[in-house]
N, C-alpha and C. Protein backbone atom coordinates (compact mmCIF):
# COMPACT_ATOMS: atom_id res chain seq x y z
N MET A 1 0.82 -1.19 0.00
CA MET A 1 0.00 0.02 -0.01
C MET A 1 0.87 1.26 0.01
N SER A 2 2.05 1.17 0.49
CA SER A 2 2.93 2.32 0.57
C SER A 2 3.36 2.79 -0.79
N VAL A 3 3.57 1.83 -1.72
CA VAL A 3 3.99 2.22 -3.05
C VAL A 3 2.85 2.97 -3.77
N PHE A 4 1.63 2.49 -3.56
CA PHE A 4 0.48 3.17 -4.16
C PHE A 4 0.32 4.57 -3.63
N THR A 5 0.53 4.77 -2.35
CA THR A 5 0.47 6.10 -1.73
C THR A 5 1.55 6.99 -2.27
N ASP A 6 2.73 6.45 -2.39
CA ASP A 6 3.83 7.26 -2.94
C ASP A 6 3.55 7.68 -4.41
N ILE A 7 3.02 6.82 -5.19
CA ILE A 7 2.65 7.18 -6.57
C ILE A 7 1.57 8.27 -6.58
N LEU A 8 0.60 8.18 -5.69
CA LEU A 8 -0.41 9.23 -5.60
C LEU A 8 0.18 10.55 -5.17
N LEU A 9 1.05 10.55 -4.21
CA LEU A 9 1.68 11.76 -3.76
C LEU A 9 2.56 12.41 -4.89
N LEU A 10 3.24 11.55 -5.61
CA LEU A 10 4.06 12.06 -6.73
C LEU A 10 3.13 12.66 -7.79
N PHE A 11 2.00 12.02 -8.04
CA PHE A 11 1.02 12.55 -9.01
C PHE A 11 0.48 13.90 -8.53
N LEU A 12 0.28 14.05 -7.25
CA LEU A 12 -0.16 15.34 -6.68
C LEU A 12 0.84 16.46 -7.00
N VAL A 13 2.12 16.16 -6.78
CA VAL A 13 3.17 17.17 -7.07
C VAL A 13 3.22 17.50 -8.54
N VAL A 14 3.11 16.49 -9.37
CA VAL A 14 3.10 16.71 -10.83
C VAL A 14 1.92 17.56 -11.26
N CYS A 15 0.76 17.26 -10.69
CA CYS A 15 -0.45 18.05 -11.04
C CYS A 15 -0.33 19.49 -10.59
N ALA A 16 0.20 19.69 -9.41
CA ALA A 16 0.37 21.06 -8.93
C ALA A 16 1.31 21.87 -9.80
N VAL A 17 2.40 21.26 -10.18
CA VAL A 17 3.38 21.98 -11.03
C VAL A 17 2.76 22.18 -12.43
N ALA A 18 2.10 21.21 -12.95
CA ALA A 18 1.56 21.28 -14.31
C ALA A 18 0.42 22.32 -14.36
N ALA A 19 -0.40 22.40 -13.34
CA ALA A 19 -1.46 23.40 -13.31
C ALA A 19 -0.93 24.80 -13.27
N SER A 20 0.16 25.01 -12.60
CA SER A 20 0.71 26.37 -12.50
C SER A 20 1.52 26.73 -13.76
N LEU A 21 2.03 25.76 -14.46
CA LEU A 21 2.82 26.05 -15.65
C LEU A 21 2.04 26.03 -16.95
N SER A 22 0.80 25.52 -16.91
CA SER A 22 0.03 25.39 -18.10
C SER A 22 -0.42 26.74 -18.63
N LYS A 23 -0.28 26.96 -19.92
CA LYS A 23 -0.66 28.24 -20.52
C LYS A 23 -2.14 28.23 -20.90
N ASN A 24 -2.74 27.09 -21.14
CA ASN A 24 -4.15 27.00 -21.50
C ASN A 24 -4.99 26.87 -20.23
N LEU A 25 -5.96 27.77 -20.11
CA LEU A 25 -6.80 27.83 -18.89
C LEU A 25 -7.67 26.57 -18.77
N LEU A 26 -8.15 26.06 -19.87
CA LEU A 26 -8.96 24.86 -19.80
C LEU A 26 -8.17 23.65 -19.32
N ASN A 27 -6.95 23.54 -19.76
CA ASN A 27 -6.08 22.44 -19.30
C ASN A 27 -5.76 22.59 -17.82
N SER A 28 -5.58 23.83 -17.36
CA SER A 28 -5.32 24.06 -15.94
C SER A 28 -6.48 23.62 -15.08
N ILE A 29 -7.71 23.85 -15.55
CA ILE A 29 -8.89 23.44 -14.79
C ILE A 29 -8.97 21.93 -14.73
N LEU A 30 -8.72 21.29 -15.85
CA LEU A 30 -8.78 19.81 -15.88
C LEU A 30 -7.69 19.20 -14.99
N ILE A 31 -6.51 19.81 -14.97
CA ILE A 31 -5.47 19.32 -14.09
C ILE A 31 -5.86 19.53 -12.64
N PHE A 32 -6.44 20.69 -12.35
CA PHE A 32 -6.92 20.94 -10.96
C PHE A 32 -7.98 19.95 -10.55
N MET A 33 -8.85 19.56 -11.47
CA MET A 33 -9.89 18.60 -11.16
C MET A 33 -9.27 17.24 -10.84
N SER A 34 -8.27 16.83 -11.62
CA SER A 34 -7.63 15.56 -11.35
C SER A 34 -6.82 15.61 -10.03
N TYR A 35 -6.28 16.77 -9.70
CA TYR A 35 -5.61 16.96 -8.42
C TYR A 35 -6.60 16.70 -7.28
N SER A 36 -7.79 17.26 -7.40
CA SER A 36 -8.80 17.11 -6.33
C SER A 36 -9.27 15.68 -6.20
N LEU A 37 -9.43 14.97 -7.35
CA LEU A 37 -9.82 13.59 -7.28
C LEU A 37 -8.77 12.72 -6.64
N VAL A 38 -7.52 12.95 -6.93
CA VAL A 38 -6.43 12.15 -6.31
C VAL A 38 -6.35 12.48 -4.83
N MET A 39 -6.59 13.75 -4.49
CA MET A 39 -6.56 14.14 -3.09
C MET A 39 -7.68 13.43 -2.33
N SER A 40 -8.83 13.24 -2.97
CA SER A 40 -9.92 12.55 -2.30
C SER A 40 -9.58 11.07 -2.08
N ILE A 41 -8.87 10.47 -3.06
CA ILE A 41 -8.39 9.09 -2.87
C ILE A 41 -7.42 8.99 -1.70
N ILE A 42 -6.56 9.97 -1.58
CA ILE A 42 -5.62 9.98 -0.46
C ILE A 42 -6.34 10.10 0.88
N TRP A 43 -7.40 10.92 0.91
CA TRP A 43 -8.19 11.04 2.16
C TRP A 43 -8.84 9.72 2.50
N ILE A 44 -9.28 8.97 1.51
CA ILE A 44 -9.84 7.65 1.76
C ILE A 44 -8.80 6.71 2.37
N LEU A 45 -7.57 6.77 1.79
CA LEU A 45 -6.51 5.93 2.30
C LEU A 45 -6.14 6.31 3.73
N LEU A 46 -6.30 7.59 4.06
CA LEU A 46 -6.05 8.04 5.45
C LEU A 46 -7.24 7.79 6.38
N GLU A 47 -8.23 7.03 5.89
CA GLU A 47 -9.42 6.66 6.64
C GLU A 47 -10.19 7.87 7.15
N SER A 48 -10.40 8.79 6.25
CA SER A 48 -11.19 9.97 6.54
C SER A 48 -12.24 10.16 5.40
N PRO A 49 -13.26 9.36 5.41
CA PRO A 49 -14.22 9.39 4.29
C PRO A 49 -15.00 10.73 4.21
N ASP A 50 -15.23 11.36 5.34
CA ASP A 50 -15.98 12.62 5.29
C ASP A 50 -15.20 13.69 4.52
N LEU A 51 -13.91 13.76 4.73
CA LEU A 51 -13.07 14.71 3.97
C LEU A 51 -12.94 14.31 2.51
N ALA A 52 -12.92 12.99 2.26
CA ALA A 52 -12.84 12.53 0.87
C ALA A 52 -14.07 12.93 0.10
N ILE A 53 -15.25 12.77 0.68
CA ILE A 53 -16.46 13.17 0.00
C ILE A 53 -16.51 14.66 -0.22
N THR A 54 -16.11 15.43 0.78
CA THR A 54 -16.07 16.88 0.66
C THR A 54 -15.10 17.34 -0.42
N GLU A 55 -13.93 16.72 -0.44
CA GLU A 55 -12.94 17.10 -1.45
C GLU A 55 -13.45 16.77 -2.86
N ALA A 56 -14.06 15.64 -3.02
CA ALA A 56 -14.57 15.25 -4.33
C ALA A 56 -15.71 16.16 -4.75
N ALA A 57 -16.60 16.47 -3.82
CA ALA A 57 -17.76 17.33 -4.18
C ALA A 57 -17.37 18.77 -4.43
N VAL A 58 -16.60 19.33 -3.50
CA VAL A 58 -16.26 20.72 -3.64
C VAL A 58 -15.05 20.95 -4.57
N GLY A 59 -14.01 20.21 -4.37
CA GLY A 59 -12.81 20.42 -5.19
C GLY A 59 -12.96 20.03 -6.62
N ALA A 60 -13.40 18.84 -6.88
CA ALA A 60 -13.54 18.37 -8.25
C ALA A 60 -14.87 18.74 -8.87
N GLY A 61 -15.88 18.89 -8.06
CA GLY A 61 -17.21 19.11 -8.58
C GLY A 61 -17.59 20.61 -8.72
N ILE A 62 -17.87 21.21 -7.64
CA ILE A 62 -18.44 22.57 -7.66
C ILE A 62 -17.42 23.58 -8.14
N THR A 63 -16.20 23.53 -7.61
CA THR A 63 -15.20 24.50 -7.97
C THR A 63 -14.86 24.41 -9.47
N SER A 64 -14.71 23.19 -9.98
CA SER A 64 -14.44 23.05 -11.41
C SER A 64 -15.56 23.54 -12.27
N LEU A 65 -16.80 23.27 -11.83
CA LEU A 65 -17.95 23.74 -12.55
C LEU A 65 -17.98 25.26 -12.62
N LEU A 66 -17.70 25.90 -11.47
CA LEU A 66 -17.62 27.36 -11.44
C LEU A 66 -16.55 27.92 -12.34
N PHE A 67 -15.38 27.24 -12.37
CA PHE A 67 -14.32 27.64 -13.28
C PHE A 67 -14.76 27.55 -14.75
N PHE A 68 -15.43 26.45 -15.10
CA PHE A 68 -15.90 26.27 -16.47
C PHE A 68 -16.91 27.35 -16.87
N VAL A 69 -17.82 27.64 -15.95
CA VAL A 69 -18.82 28.71 -16.22
C VAL A 69 -18.12 30.05 -16.37
N THR A 70 -17.17 30.33 -15.55
CA THR A 70 -16.44 31.62 -15.62
C THR A 70 -15.70 31.70 -16.96
N LEU A 71 -15.04 30.63 -17.37
CA LEU A 71 -14.33 30.68 -18.68
C LEU A 71 -15.30 30.87 -19.82
N LYS A 72 -16.47 30.27 -19.71
CA LYS A 72 -17.50 30.43 -20.76
C LYS A 72 -17.99 31.86 -20.79
N LYS A 73 -18.21 32.49 -19.61
CA LYS A 73 -18.72 33.87 -19.56
C LYS A 73 -17.72 34.89 -20.08
N ILE A 74 -16.44 34.65 -19.84
CA ILE A 74 -15.43 35.60 -20.33
C ILE A 74 -14.95 35.19 -21.74
N HIS A 75 -15.57 34.20 -22.32
CA HIS A 75 -15.32 33.73 -23.67
C HIS A 75 -13.89 33.27 -23.86
N ALA A 76 -13.30 32.73 -22.81
CA ALA A 76 -11.95 32.21 -22.92
C ALA A 76 -11.90 30.85 -23.62
N ILE A 77 -12.96 30.07 -23.48
CA ILE A 77 -12.97 28.76 -24.12
C ILE A 77 -13.13 28.92 -25.62
N VAL A 78 -14.00 29.83 -26.06
CA VAL A 78 -14.21 30.01 -27.49
C VAL A 78 -12.98 30.60 -28.17
N GLU A 79 -12.34 31.53 -27.50
CA GLU A 79 -11.13 32.15 -28.06
C GLU A 79 -9.97 31.14 -28.20
N SER A 80 -9.81 30.26 -27.23
CA SER A 80 -8.73 29.29 -27.31
C SER A 80 -9.00 28.29 -28.44
N ASP A 81 -10.27 27.93 -28.64
CA ASP A 81 -10.63 27.04 -29.77
C ASP A 81 -10.33 27.70 -31.09
N ARG A 82 -10.60 28.97 -31.20
CA ARG A 82 -10.36 29.71 -32.48
C ARG A 82 -8.85 29.76 -32.73
N LYS A 83 -8.06 30.05 -31.69
CA LYS A 83 -6.60 30.14 -31.85
C LYS A 83 -6.03 28.80 -32.31
N GLU A 84 -6.57 27.69 -31.75
CA GLU A 84 -6.04 26.38 -32.13
C GLU A 84 -6.39 26.04 -33.56
N LYS A 85 -7.58 26.48 -34.05
CA LYS A 85 -8.00 26.24 -35.43
C LYS A 85 -7.15 27.08 -36.38
N LYS A 86 -6.78 28.30 -36.00
CA LYS A 86 -5.96 29.14 -36.83
C LYS A 86 -4.57 28.59 -37.02
N ASP A 87 -4.00 27.96 -35.94
CA ASP A 87 -2.71 27.39 -36.00
C ASP A 87 -2.59 26.21 -36.89
N GLU A 88 -3.71 25.51 -37.18
CA GLU A 88 -3.68 24.30 -38.00
C GLU A 88 -3.61 24.66 -39.40
């Protein structure tokens, strides 16, 4: 079980660095969502199911949804799609 925990912790560090270095906002949100899901798995391994449910619901669920709505309202998602199509 220790090897699995170490892999999850390494994945957390990689997600944190990748989210902060990513230039695409949509990718940053997806990385943040995966960070929250892995963190909820770690909470389960630490035998704290109440924190795991809260992390999954708030971190990966509601917060990510609010980020997606915000990107849609500021038209950041549409603009990034247009830029990618122009580059092709």
